[in-house]
């Protein structure tokens, strides 16, 4: 199961909580990142289409 599959299988309450916990931040070089909570583990990726797509296609 990929992270995208996991998100698609969430019920409305779980999806609302997941979206609520998304955090955007900049690193010391002004690069924008996105932080997600996945199964009690904070994960982050660069905020670009390619990086987000790669993150969604990773195994859970």
C-alpha atoms as a PDB file:
ATOM      1  CA  UNK A   1       0.000   0.000   0.000  1.00  0.00           C
ATOM      2  CA  UNK A   2       1.344   3.425  -0.937  1.00  0.00           C
ATOM      3  CA  UNK A   3       0.800   6.598   1.043  1.00  0.00           C
ATOM      4  CA  UNK A   4      -1.657   7.696  -1.672  1.00  0.00           C
ATOM      5  CA  UNK A   5      -3.628   4.453  -1.203  1.00  0.00           C
ATOM      6  CA  UNK A   6      -3.682   5.074   2.546  1.00  0.00           C
ATOM      7  CA  UNK A   7      -5.089   8.587   2.083  1.00  0.00           C
ATOM      8  CA  UNK A   8      -7.745   7.369  -0.376  1.00  0.00           C
ATOM      9  CA  UNK A   9      -8.890   4.738   2.124  1.00  0.00           C
ATOM     10  CA  UNK A  10      -9.399   7.218   5.008  1.00  0.00           C
ATOM     11  CA  UNK A  11     -12.895   7.943   6.289  1.00  0.00           C
ATOM     12  CA  UNK A  12     -14.026  11.588   6.479  1.00  0.00           C
ATOM     13  CA  UNK A  13     -12.940  12.067  10.107  1.00  0.00           C
ATOM     14  CA  UNK A  14      -9.457  10.609   9.564  1.00  0.00           C
ATOM     15  CA  UNK A  15      -8.978  12.656   6.382  1.00  0.00           C
ATOM     16  CA  UNK A  16     -10.093  15.872   8.132  1.00  0.00           C
ATOM     17  CA  UNK A  17      -7.611  15.238  10.946  1.00  0.00           C
ATOM     18  CA  UNK A  18      -4.801  14.435   8.480  1.00  0.00           C
ATOM     19  CA  UNK A  19      -5.454  17.613   6.453  1.00  0.00           C
ATOM     20  CA  UNK A  20      -5.663  19.668   9.659  1.00  0.00           C
ATOM     21  CA  UNK A  21      -2.198  18.436  10.724  1.00  0.00           C
ATOM     22  CA  UNK A  22      -0.403  19.362   7.477  1.00  0.00           C
ATOM     23  CA  UNK A  23       2.210  22.018   8.220  1.00  0.00           C
ATOM     24  CA  UNK A  24       4.168  24.204   5.795  1.00  0.00           C
ATOM     25  CA  UNK A  25       7.567  25.593   6.731  1.00  0.00           C
ATOM     26  CA  UNK A  26      10.703  27.065   5.189  1.00  0.00           C
ATOM     27  CA  UNK A  27      14.216  25.797   5.779  1.00  0.00           C
ATOM     28  CA  UNK A  28      17.214  28.079   6.317  1.00  0.00           C
ATOM     29  CA  UNK A  29      17.508  28.551   2.526  1.00  0.00           C
ATOM     30  CA  UNK A  30      13.844  29.611   2.012  1.00  0.00           C
ATOM     31  CA  UNK A  31      12.883  26.246   0.476  1.00  0.00           C
ATOM     32  CA  UNK A  32       9.240  25.421   1.209  1.00  0.00           C
ATOM     33  CA  UNK A  33       8.531  22.043   2.819  1.00  0.00           C
ATOM     34  CA  UNK A  34       5.373  20.195   3.855  1.00  0.00           C
ATOM     35  CA  UNK A  35       5.181  18.163   7.053  1.00  0.00           C
ATOM     36  CA  UNK A  36       2.673  15.297   7.487  1.00  0.00           C
ATOM     37  CA  UNK A  37       1.766  13.028  10.395  1.00  0.00           C
ATOM     38  CA  UNK A  38       1.547   9.442   9.151  1.00  0.00           C
ATOM     39  CA  UNK A  39       0.890   6.685  11.680  1.00  0.00           C
ATOM     40  CA  UNK A  40       2.453   8.636  14.595  1.00  0.00           C
ATOM     41  CA  UNK A  41       5.495   9.547  12.493  1.00  0.00           C
ATOM     42  CA  UNK A  42       6.205  13.072  11.248  1.00  0.00           C
ATOM     43  CA  UNK A  43       7.343  12.999   7.626  1.00  0.00           C
ATOM     44  CA  UNK A  44       8.330  15.886   5.400  1.00  0.00           C
ATOM     45  CA  UNK A  45       8.989  16.552   1.756  1.00  0.00           C
ATOM     46  CA  UNK A  46       9.724  19.538  -0.451  1.00  0.00           C
ATOM     47  CA  UNK A  47       6.560  21.347  -1.550  1.00  0.00           C
ATOM     48  CA  UNK A  48       6.776  20.678  -5.287  1.00  0.00           C
ATOM     49  CA  UNK A  49       4.653  18.541  -7.607  1.00  0.00           C
ATOM     50  CA  UNK A  50       7.439  16.020  -8.237  1.00  0.00           C
ATOM     51  CA  UNK A  51       8.375  15.640  -4.562  1.00  0.00           C
ATOM     52  CA  UNK A  52       4.734  15.327  -3.455  1.00  0.00           C
ATOM     53  CA  UNK A  53       4.034  12.739  -6.168  1.00  0.00           C
ATOM     54  CA  UNK A  54       7.116  10.751  -5.129  1.00  0.00           C
ATOM     55  CA  UNK A  55       5.996  10.912  -1.459  1.00  0.00           C
ATOM     56  CA  UNK A  56       2.487   9.678  -2.350  1.00  0.00           C
ATOM     57  CA  UNK A  57       3.907   6.722  -4.314  1.00  0.00           C
ATOM     58  CA  UNK A  58       6.162   5.528  -1.465  1.00  0.00           C
ATOM     59  CA  UNK A  59       5.154   2.424   0.456  1.00  0.00           C
ATOM     60  CA  UNK A  60       3.587   3.010   3.874  1.00  0.00           C
END
